[in-house]
């Protein structure tokens, strides 16, 4: 049977989700599935098994699993002693943004898990305590949603990845990393982030990168979890939100400054990503239900 592709929803400019301390029952688990995001699963209690790629792992309290994007997997919790676990899902670019020059590879632990075909870790007690504390910190930030919580979540995730990298790759800790994805992709992400209004089309981005448009689109989606248009639009809407709240520019002027070719297009994209019109956002409105 063809594996199920798990979808993700929410704001595409914040490609991160957490399922915190969920009790897992066999009848509610997904069949064989995969997704583009990296996944970290930490087991708080219970027992079961985990099928990842072509390997079946035992699951027990304190185990941590690293599941690279595009990996087929399925959980089998014990019916009598169900798993209680926390899972985080994030696009690779969400963590890589912290190291734009490639001097350290935040996702090196995932690459090592893929290379060694070893997705299960049994962290020592001191490391378990640090992992649990960071997961709780992320959950608290998501729940409270205070100003800056998205950046706080990203920083906590990067600290978690640093712990795992140092545990898995001690001999390489501190050495220059290759980064995840080719240099042209990292440069494209920096360019889009710095000036989303001038990012250009897929063909223009691919030409600057020196690769075909099809290859650019495929690698971009693999590492960000988004297609190029959605990513650029998400960055443009973030810029538009700042201009709408921080300047007196007209909505039309904001649309033009953010790189949208027409006001109706700007309205459609803005409402799709925020749940409200630009005017309602400027007035402090709430997303439509």
Protein backbone atom coordinates (compact mmCIF):
# COMPACT_ATOMS: atom_id res chain seq x y z
CA UNK A 1 0.00 0.00 0.00
CA UNK A 2 1.28 3.43 -0.92
CA UNK A 3 2.36 5.41 2.19
CA UNK A 4 0.15 8.28 3.33
CA UNK A 5 1.66 11.79 3.04
CA UNK A 6 0.95 13.64 6.28
CA UNK A 7 -0.17 17.25 5.66
CA UNK A 8 0.70 20.25 7.80
CA UNK A 9 -1.42 23.34 8.22
CA UNK A 10 -0.94 26.69 9.93
CA UNK A 11 1.15 29.73 9.06
CA UNK A 12 3.70 28.74 6.38
CA UNK A 13 6.12 31.38 7.68
CA UNK A 14 6.35 29.37 10.94
CA UNK A 15 6.89 25.76 9.79
CA UNK A 16 6.90 24.20 13.25
CA UNK A 17 4.39 22.05 15.14
CA UNK A 18 4.43 20.23 18.45
CA UNK A 19 2.26 17.44 19.83
CA UNK A 20 2.97 17.62 23.56
CA UNK A 21 2.72 14.63 25.92
CA UNK A 22 0.08 12.86 23.85
CA UNK A 23 -1.13 9.38 24.78
CA UNK A 24 -0.88 7.14 21.74
CA UNK A 25 -3.38 4.34 21.19
CA UNK A 26 -3.02 1.72 18.43
CA UNK A 27 -6.41 2.41 16.87
CA UNK A 28 -5.62 6.11 16.33
CA UNK A 29 -2.14 5.82 14.82
CA UNK A 30 -1.52 6.74 11.18
CA UNK A 31 -0.70 3.96 8.71
CA UNK A 32 2.68 3.96 6.97
CA UNK A 33 3.28 7.64 6.24
CA UNK A 34 5.90 10.24 5.45
CA UNK A 35 6.28 14.02 5.27
CA UNK A 36 8.83 16.63 4.25
CA UNK A 37 9.52 17.87 7.78
CA UNK A 38 12.12 16.62 10.24
CA UNK A 39 10.54 14.91 13.25
CA UNK A 40 11.82 14.39 16.79
CA UNK A 41 9.89 12.01 19.05
CA UNK A 42 10.64 11.71 22.77
CA UNK A 43 9.01 8.92 24.77
CA UNK A 44 7.95 9.92 28.30
CA UNK A 45 6.41 6.58 29.27
CA UNK A 46 4.81 3.44 27.91
CA UNK A 47 6.00 0.80 25.47
CA UNK A 48 5.63 -0.06 21.81
CA UNK A 49 7.50 -0.36 18.55
CA UNK A 50 8.40 2.10 15.82
CA UNK A 51 8.83 1.18 12.16
CA UNK A 52 11.18 3.70 10.50
CA UNK A 53 12.40 3.24 6.94
CA UNK A 54 13.00 -0.52 6.95
CA UNK A 55 13.83 -1.04 10.64
CA UNK A 56 11.60 -1.93 13.59
CA UNK A 57 12.68 -0.33 16.89
CA UNK A 58 11.53 -0.96 20.43
CA UNK A 59 10.05 2.13 22.14
CA UNK A 60 10.46 2.71 25.88
CA UNK A 61 10.57 5.56 28.38
CA UNK A 62 13.46 7.93 27.71
CA UNK A 63 13.97 6.91 24.09
CA UNK A 64 14.37 9.62 21.46
CA UNK A 65 13.80 9.12 17.73
CA UNK A 66 15.14 11.22 14.87
CA UNK A 67 13.08 10.84 11.67
CA UNK A 68 14.51 12.65 8.63
CA UNK A 69 12.09 14.18 6.14
CA UNK A 70 10.84 11.84 3.44
CA UNK A 71 11.22 8.74 5.64
CA UNK A 72 8.38 6.22 5.78
CA UNK A 73 7.45 5.43 9.38
CA UNK A 74 4.66 4.10 11.59
CA UNK A 75 4.15 3.77 15.36
CA UNK A 76 2.74 0.72 17.14
CA UNK A 77 1.93 1.62 20.78
CA UNK A 78 1.32 -1.17 23.28
CA UNK A 79 -2.42 -1.40 23.97
CA UNK A 80 -1.87 -2.31 27.63
CA UNK A 81 0.89 0.25 28.27
CA UNK A 82 0.31 3.02 25.70
CA UNK A 83 3.04 5.42 24.76
CA UNK A 84 3.03 8.98 26.09
CA UNK A 85 5.29 11.03 23.84
CA UNK A 86 6.13 14.49 22.59
CA UNK A 87 6.74 15.06 18.87
CA UNK A 88 8.05 18.14 17.11
CA UNK A 89 7.90 18.68 13.36
CA UNK A 90 9.83 21.41 11.56
CA UNK A 91 11.06 22.35 8.09
CA UNK A 92 14.86 22.08 7.75
CA UNK A 93 15.17 25.76 6.82
CA UNK A 94 13.54 26.74 10.14
CA UNK A 95 16.62 25.48 12.04
CA UNK A 96 19.18 26.32 9.37
CA UNK A 97 18.29 30.01 9.48
CA UNK A 98 20.35 30.29 12.66
CA UNK A 99 23.58 29.48 10.78
CA UNK A 100 23.38 31.14 7.35
CA UNK A 101 27.10 30.74 6.57
CA UNK A 102 27.17 26.94 6.87
CA UNK A 103 29.81 26.96 9.64
CA UNK A 104 27.75 24.44 11.63
CA UNK A 105 25.14 21.94 10.47
CA UNK A 106 22.16 22.01 12.89
CA UNK A 107 20.65 18.96 11.21
CA UNK A 108 23.83 16.91 11.30
CA UNK A 109 22.19 14.52 13.77
CA UNK A 110 19.46 13.77 11.20
CA UNK A 111 22.04 13.22 8.47
CA UNK A 112 23.93 10.87 10.78
CA UNK A 113 20.71 8.99 11.62
CA UNK A 114 20.04 8.57 7.90
CA UNK A 115 23.63 7.59 7.08
CA UNK A 116 23.98 5.10 9.94
CA UNK A 117 20.38 3.89 9.60
CA UNK A 118 20.03 4.39 13.33
CA UNK A 119 17.06 6.55 14.30
CA UNK A 120 16.73 5.53 17.97
CA UNK A 121 18.79 7.13 20.73
CA UNK A 122 18.92 6.21 24.39
CA UNK A 123 20.20 9.43 25.97
CA UNK A 124 22.07 9.26 29.31
CA UNK A 125 20.18 10.63 32.32
CA UNK A 126 21.73 14.15 32.33
CA UNK A 127 20.90 14.53 28.64
CA UNK A 128 17.34 13.25 29.17
CA UNK A 129 16.77 15.97 31.75
CA UNK A 130 18.02 18.64 29.33
CA UNK A 131 15.87 17.28 26.49
CA UNK A 132 12.75 17.23 28.64
CA UNK A 133 13.43 20.76 29.90
CA UNK A 134 13.78 22.13 26.36
CA UNK A 135 10.61 20.38 25.19
CA UNK A 136 8.73 21.90 28.13
CA UNK A 137 10.19 25.31 27.31
CA UNK A 138 8.99 25.03 23.71
CA UNK A 139 5.52 23.94 24.86
CA UNK A 140 5.28 26.87 27.29
CA UNK A 141 6.31 29.35 24.59
CA UNK A 142 3.73 27.98 22.15
CA UNK A 143 1.01 28.00 24.79
CA UNK A 144 1.66 31.50 26.13
CA UNK A 145 2.35 32.98 22.67
CA UNK A 146 4.04 36.04 24.12
CA UNK A 147 5.68 38.57 21.77
CA UNK A 148 8.71 36.93 20.19
CA UNK A 149 7.56 33.39 20.99
CA UNK A 150 8.31 32.13 17.49
CA UNK A 151 11.93 33.16 17.76
CA UNK A 152 12.06 31.69 21.27
CA UNK A 153 10.78 28.37 19.88
CA UNK A 154 13.36 28.40 17.11
CA UNK A 155 16.18 29.14 19.54
CA UNK A 156 15.06 26.38 21.92
CA UNK A 157 14.87 23.94 19.00
CA UNK A 158 18.38 24.92 17.93
CA UNK A 159 19.65 24.31 21.47
CA UNK A 160 18.00 20.89 21.42
CA UNK A 161 19.65 20.07 18.09
CA UNK A 162 23.00 21.24 19.43
CA UNK A 163 22.69 18.83 22.37
CA UNK A 164 21.85 15.97 20.04
CA UNK A 165 24.68 16.83 17.64
CA UNK A 166 27.20 16.90 20.46
CA UNK A 167 25.93 13.56 21.72
CA UNK A 168 25.94 11.90 18.30
CA UNK A 169 28.89 13.63 16.67
CA UNK A 170 31.37 14.43 19.46
CA UNK A 171 34.39 14.00 17.23
CA UNK A 172 33.05 16.63 14.83
CA UNK A 173 31.71 19.09 17.38
CA UNK A 174 33.11 22.55 16.71
CA UNK A 175 34.39 21.59 13.25
CA UNK A 176 33.04 23.38 10.19
CA UNK A 177 29.85 21.74 8.96
CA UNK A 178 28.72 21.34 5.41
CA UNK A 179 25.23 22.67 6.08
CA UNK A 180 22.06 20.98 4.94
CA UNK A 181 21.37 21.49 1.29
CA UNK A 182 23.61 22.95 -1.42
CA UNK A 183 25.24 26.36 -1.11
CA UNK A 184 23.01 27.79 -3.84
CA UNK A 185 19.92 26.93 -1.79
CA UNK A 186 21.27 28.60 1.34
CA UNK A 187 22.14 31.69 -0.72
CA UNK A 188 18.65 31.74 -2.25
CA UNK A 189 17.04 31.55 1.19
CA UNK A 190 19.21 34.44 2.41
CA UNK A 191 18.28 36.49 -0.65
CA UNK A 192 14.55 35.87 -0.26
CA UNK A 193 14.67 36.61 3.45
CA UNK A 194 16.56 39.88 2.94
CA UNK A 195 14.44 41.21 0.04
CA UNK A 196 11.33 39.11 -0.55
CA UNK A 197 9.80 41.86 -2.69
CA UNK A 198 12.64 41.42 -5.22
CA UNK A 199 12.95 37.64 -5.07
CA UNK A 200 11.74 37.14 -8.63
CA UNK A 201 10.13 34.12 -10.22
CA UNK A 202 11.15 30.48 -9.89
CA UNK A 203 12.94 30.66 -13.24
CA UNK A 204 14.84 33.79 -12.16
CA UNK A 205 15.86 32.24 -8.84
CA UNK A 206 16.96 29.06 -10.60
CA UNK A 207 18.98 31.03 -13.17
CA UNK A 208 20.81 32.91 -10.42
CA UNK A 209 21.50 29.60 -8.68
CA UNK A 210 22.77 28.02 -11.90
CA UNK A 211 20.37 25.04 -11.81
CA UNK A 212 17.22 24.10 -13.69
CA UNK A 213 13.87 25.40 -12.45
CA UNK A 214 12.63 21.85 -11.86
CA UNK A 215 15.70 20.94 -9.79
CA UNK A 216 15.49 24.21 -7.84
CA UNK A 217 11.81 23.62 -7.02
CA UNK A 218 12.39 20.00 -5.98
CA UNK A 219 15.34 20.73 -3.67
CA UNK A 220 13.66 23.86 -2.27
CA UNK A 221 10.52 21.89 -1.32
CA UNK A 222 12.61 19.07 0.16
CA UNK A 223 14.47 21.41 2.54
CA UNK A 224 11.80 24.00 3.40
CA UNK A 225 8.61 21.94 3.22
CA UNK A 226 7.10 24.66 0.99
CA UNK A 227 7.05 25.45 -2.69
CA UNK A 228 8.90 28.57 -3.83
CA UNK A 229 5.82 30.72 -4.42
CA UNK A 230 4.31 29.96 -1.00
CA UNK A 231 7.63 30.67 0.74
CA UNK A 232 8.13 33.99 -1.04
CA UNK A 233 4.52 35.01 -0.39
CA UNK A 234 4.85 34.16 3.31
CA UNK A 235 7.93 36.37 3.57
CA UNK A 236 6.19 39.18 1.69
CA UNK A 237 3.16 39.02 3.96
CA UNK A 238 5.42 39.25 7.03
CA UNK A 239 6.90 42.40 5.50
CA UNK A 240 3.42 43.73 4.67
CA UNK A 241 2.21 43.20 8.24
CA UNK A 242 5.10 45.30 9.55
CA UNK A 243 4.36 48.08 7.06
CA UNK A 244 0.61 48.06 7.74
CA UNK A 245 1.10 48.41 11.48
CA UNK A 246 4.25 50.57 11.39
CA UNK A 247 3.60 53.08 8.59
CA UNK A 248 0.81 55.24 7.21
CA UNK A 249 1.29 53.93 3.66
CA UNK A 250 -1.88 53.03 1.79
CA UNK A 251 -2.74 49.36 1.34
CA UNK A 252 -1.99 49.73 -2.36
CA UNK A 253 1.43 51.23 -1.65
CA UNK A 254 2.20 48.41 0.79
CA UNK A 255 1.19 45.82 -1.80
CA UNK A 256 3.47 47.38 -4.42
CA UNK A 257 6.37 47.77 -1.99
CA UNK A 258 6.10 44.10 -1.02
CA UNK A 259 6.32 42.93 -4.62
CA UNK A 260 2.70 42.06 -5.41
CA UNK A 261 1.71 42.75 -9.01
CA UNK A 262 -1.87 43.78 -8.18
CA UNK A 263 -3.98 44.83 -5.22
CA UNK A 264 -6.49 41.96 -5.65
CA UNK A 265 -3.61 39.44 -5.62
CA UNK A 266 -2.25 41.03 -2.44
CA UNK A 267 -5.69 40.82 -0.79
CA UNK A 268 -6.10 37.15 -1.73
CA UNK A 269 -2.70 36.10 -0.44
CA UNK A 270 -2.93 38.22 2.71
CA UNK A 271 -6.33 36.81 3.64
CA UNK A 272 -5.27 33.25 2.85
CA UNK A 273 -2.27 33.49 5.20
CA UNK A 274 -3.71 35.65 8.00
CA UNK A 275 -7.45 35.01 7.90
CA UNK A 276 -8.27 38.70 7.44
CA UNK A 277 -7.95 41.50 4.92
CA UNK A 278 -5.05 43.98 5.06
CA UNK A 279 -7.42 46.71 6.20
CA UNK A 280 -8.85 44.61 9.01
CA UNK A 281 -5.32 43.70 10.12
CA UNK A 282 -4.32 47.36 10.22
CA UNK A 283 -7.36 48.10 12.39
CA UNK A 284 -6.32 45.36 14.83
CA UNK A 285 -8.95 42.87 13.78
CA UNK A 286 -8.99 39.14 14.46
CA UNK A 287 -8.86 36.33 11.89
CA UNK A 288 -12.21 35.14 10.60
CA UNK A 289 -13.37 31.82 11.99
